[in-house]
């Protein structure tokens, strides 16, 4: 493999590193959202009278998890070269 082919292969991989990084970074918020709504469903089944409070806490937790995902999608653009 010549130096030019190696450089072309490296440049091709370099262009998608940010998207691969975001894909890996999106795993955490995805797991977090699943845990939030799974436990919220269990809590609603156990105490239906507390539905308003449980739902409010679910929405707040969901917003925090999604904020992490949005930060993850913005960071490659901020720190990219």
C-alpha atoms as a PDB file:
ATOM      1  CA  UNK A   1       0.000   0.000   0.000  1.00  0.00           C
ATOM      2  CA  UNK A   2       1.470   3.327  -1.015  1.00  0.00           C
ATOM      3  CA  UNK A   3       1.630   6.391   1.163  1.00  0.00           C
ATOM      4  CA  UNK A   4      -1.108   8.067  -0.887  1.00  0.00           C
ATOM      5  CA  UNK A   5      -3.477   5.129  -0.424  1.00  0.00           C
ATOM      6  CA  UNK A   6      -2.746   5.077   3.314  1.00  0.00           C
ATOM      7  CA  UNK A   7      -3.427   8.801   3.541  1.00  0.00           C
ATOM      8  CA  UNK A   8      -6.697   8.425   1.613  1.00  0.00           C
ATOM      9  CA  UNK A   9      -7.799   5.556   3.865  1.00  0.00           C
ATOM     10  CA  UNK A  10      -6.957   7.577   6.981  1.00  0.00           C
ATOM     11  CA  UNK A  11      -8.815  10.633   5.676  1.00  0.00           C
ATOM     12  CA  UNK A  12     -11.878   8.494   4.942  1.00  0.00           C
ATOM     13  CA  UNK A  13     -11.936   7.161   8.490  1.00  0.00           C
ATOM     14  CA  UNK A  14     -11.198  10.557  10.021  1.00  0.00           C
ATOM     15  CA  UNK A  15     -14.364  12.086   8.547  1.00  0.00           C
ATOM     16  CA  UNK A  16     -16.656   9.705  10.414  1.00  0.00           C
ATOM     17  CA  UNK A  17     -14.908   9.562  13.789  1.00  0.00           C
ATOM     18  CA  UNK A  18     -17.241  12.230  15.201  1.00  0.00           C
ATOM     19  CA  UNK A  19     -20.324  10.282  14.191  1.00  0.00           C
ATOM     20  CA  UNK A  20     -18.906   7.061  15.637  1.00  0.00           C
ATOM     21  CA  UNK A  21     -18.146   8.913  18.860  1.00  0.00           C
ATOM     22  CA  UNK A  22     -21.670  10.287  19.025  1.00  0.00           C
ATOM     23  CA  UNK A  23     -23.108   6.852  18.390  1.00  0.00           C
ATOM     24  CA  UNK A  24     -21.154   5.518  21.337  1.00  0.00           C
ATOM     25  CA  UNK A  25     -22.081   8.545  23.448  1.00  0.00           C
ATOM     26  CA  UNK A  26     -25.794   8.011  22.722  1.00  0.00           C
ATOM     27  CA  UNK A  27     -25.716   4.598  24.392  1.00  0.00           C
ATOM     28  CA  UNK A  28     -25.576   6.123  27.884  1.00  0.00           C
ATOM     29  CA  UNK A  29     -28.636   8.378  27.581  1.00  0.00           C
ATOM     30  CA  UNK A  30     -30.508   5.555  25.835  1.00  0.00           C
ATOM     31  CA  UNK A  31     -29.887   3.249  28.773  1.00  0.00           C
ATOM     32  CA  UNK A  32     -30.786   6.043  31.183  1.00  0.00           C
ATOM     33  CA  UNK A  33     -34.119   6.728  29.485  1.00  0.00           C
ATOM     34  CA  UNK A  34     -34.932   3.015  29.544  1.00  0.00           C
ATOM     35  CA  UNK A  35     -34.190   2.800  33.254  1.00  0.00           C
ATOM     36  CA  UNK A  36     -36.214   5.934  34.002  1.00  0.00           C
ATOM     37  CA  UNK A  37     -39.354   4.786  32.222  1.00  0.00           C
ATOM     38  CA  UNK A  38     -39.011   1.168  33.338  1.00  0.00           C
ATOM     39  CA  UNK A  39     -38.784   2.126  36.985  1.00  0.00           C
ATOM     40  CA  UNK A  40     -41.480   4.760  36.532  1.00  0.00           C
ATOM     41  CA  UNK A  41     -43.854   2.130  35.160  1.00  0.00           C
ATOM     42  CA  UNK A  42     -43.140  -0.109  38.139  1.00  0.00           C
ATOM     43  CA  UNK A  43     -43.712   2.787  40.528  1.00  0.00           C
ATOM     44  CA  UNK A  44     -47.029   3.643  38.864  1.00  0.00           C
ATOM     45  CA  UNK A  45     -48.117   0.016  39.153  1.00  0.00           C
ATOM     46  CA  UNK A  46     -47.258  -0.045  42.856  1.00  0.00           C
ATOM     47  CA  UNK A  47     -48.699   3.350  43.796  1.00  0.00           C
ATOM     48  CA  UNK A  48     -51.212   4.652  41.258  1.00  0.00           C
ATOM     49  CA  UNK A  49     -52.266   7.448  43.628  1.00  0.00           C
ATOM     50  CA  UNK A  50     -48.821   9.070  43.221  1.00  0.00           C
ATOM     51  CA  UNK A  51     -49.077   9.199  39.422  1.00  0.00           C
ATOM     52  CA  UNK A  52     -48.647  12.985  39.177  1.00  0.00           C
ATOM     53  CA  UNK A  53     -45.447  13.091  41.214  1.00  0.00           C
ATOM     54  CA  UNK A  54     -43.970  10.013  39.519  1.00  0.00           C
ATOM     55  CA  UNK A  55     -44.743  11.343  36.064  1.00  0.00           C
ATOM     56  CA  UNK A  56     -43.209  14.740  36.878  1.00  0.00           C
ATOM     57  CA  UNK A  57     -40.024  13.062  38.079  1.00  0.00           C
ATOM     58  CA  UNK A  58     -39.949  10.883  34.958  1.00  0.00           C
ATOM     59  CA  UNK A  59     -40.169  13.906  32.691  1.00  0.00           C
ATOM     60  CA  UNK A  60     -37.428  15.703  34.621  1.00  0.00           C
ATOM     61  CA  UNK A  61     -35.117  12.682  34.440  1.00  0.00           C
ATOM     62  CA  UNK A  62     -35.876  12.243  30.746  1.00  0.00           C
ATOM     63  CA  UNK A  63     -34.982  15.885  30.093  1.00  0.00           C
ATOM     64  CA  UNK A  64     -31.631  15.500  31.860  1.00  0.00           C
ATOM     65  CA  UNK A  65     -30.801  12.329  29.909  1.00  0.00           C
ATOM     66  CA  UNK A  66     -31.703  13.930  26.603  1.00  0.00           C
ATOM     67  CA  UNK A  67     -29.609  16.987  27.487  1.00  0.00           C
ATOM     68  CA  UNK A  68     -26.618  14.643  27.717  1.00  0.00           C
ATOM     69  CA  UNK A  69     -27.420  13.293  24.262  1.00  0.00           C
ATOM     70  CA  UNK A  70     -27.681  16.817  22.824  1.00  0.00           C
ATOM     71  CA  UNK A  71     -24.372  17.782  24.392  1.00  0.00           C
ATOM     72  CA  UNK A  72     -22.874  14.675  22.815  1.00  0.00           C
ATOM     73  CA  UNK A  73     -24.095  15.636  19.346  1.00  0.00           C
ATOM     74  CA  UNK A  74     -22.775  19.208  19.649  1.00  0.00           C
ATOM     75  CA  UNK A  75     -19.298  18.430  21.011  1.00  0.00           C
ATOM     76  CA  UNK A  76     -17.838  16.979  17.754  1.00  0.00           C
ATOM     77  CA  UNK A  77     -18.757  20.243  16.031  1.00  0.00           C
ATOM     78  CA  UNK A  78     -17.314  22.393  18.817  1.00  0.00           C
ATOM     79  CA  UNK A  79     -14.024  20.536  19.231  1.00  0.00           C
ATOM     80  CA  UNK A  80     -13.708  19.162  15.680  1.00  0.00           C
ATOM     81  CA  UNK A  81     -10.890  20.313  13.474  1.00  0.00           C
END
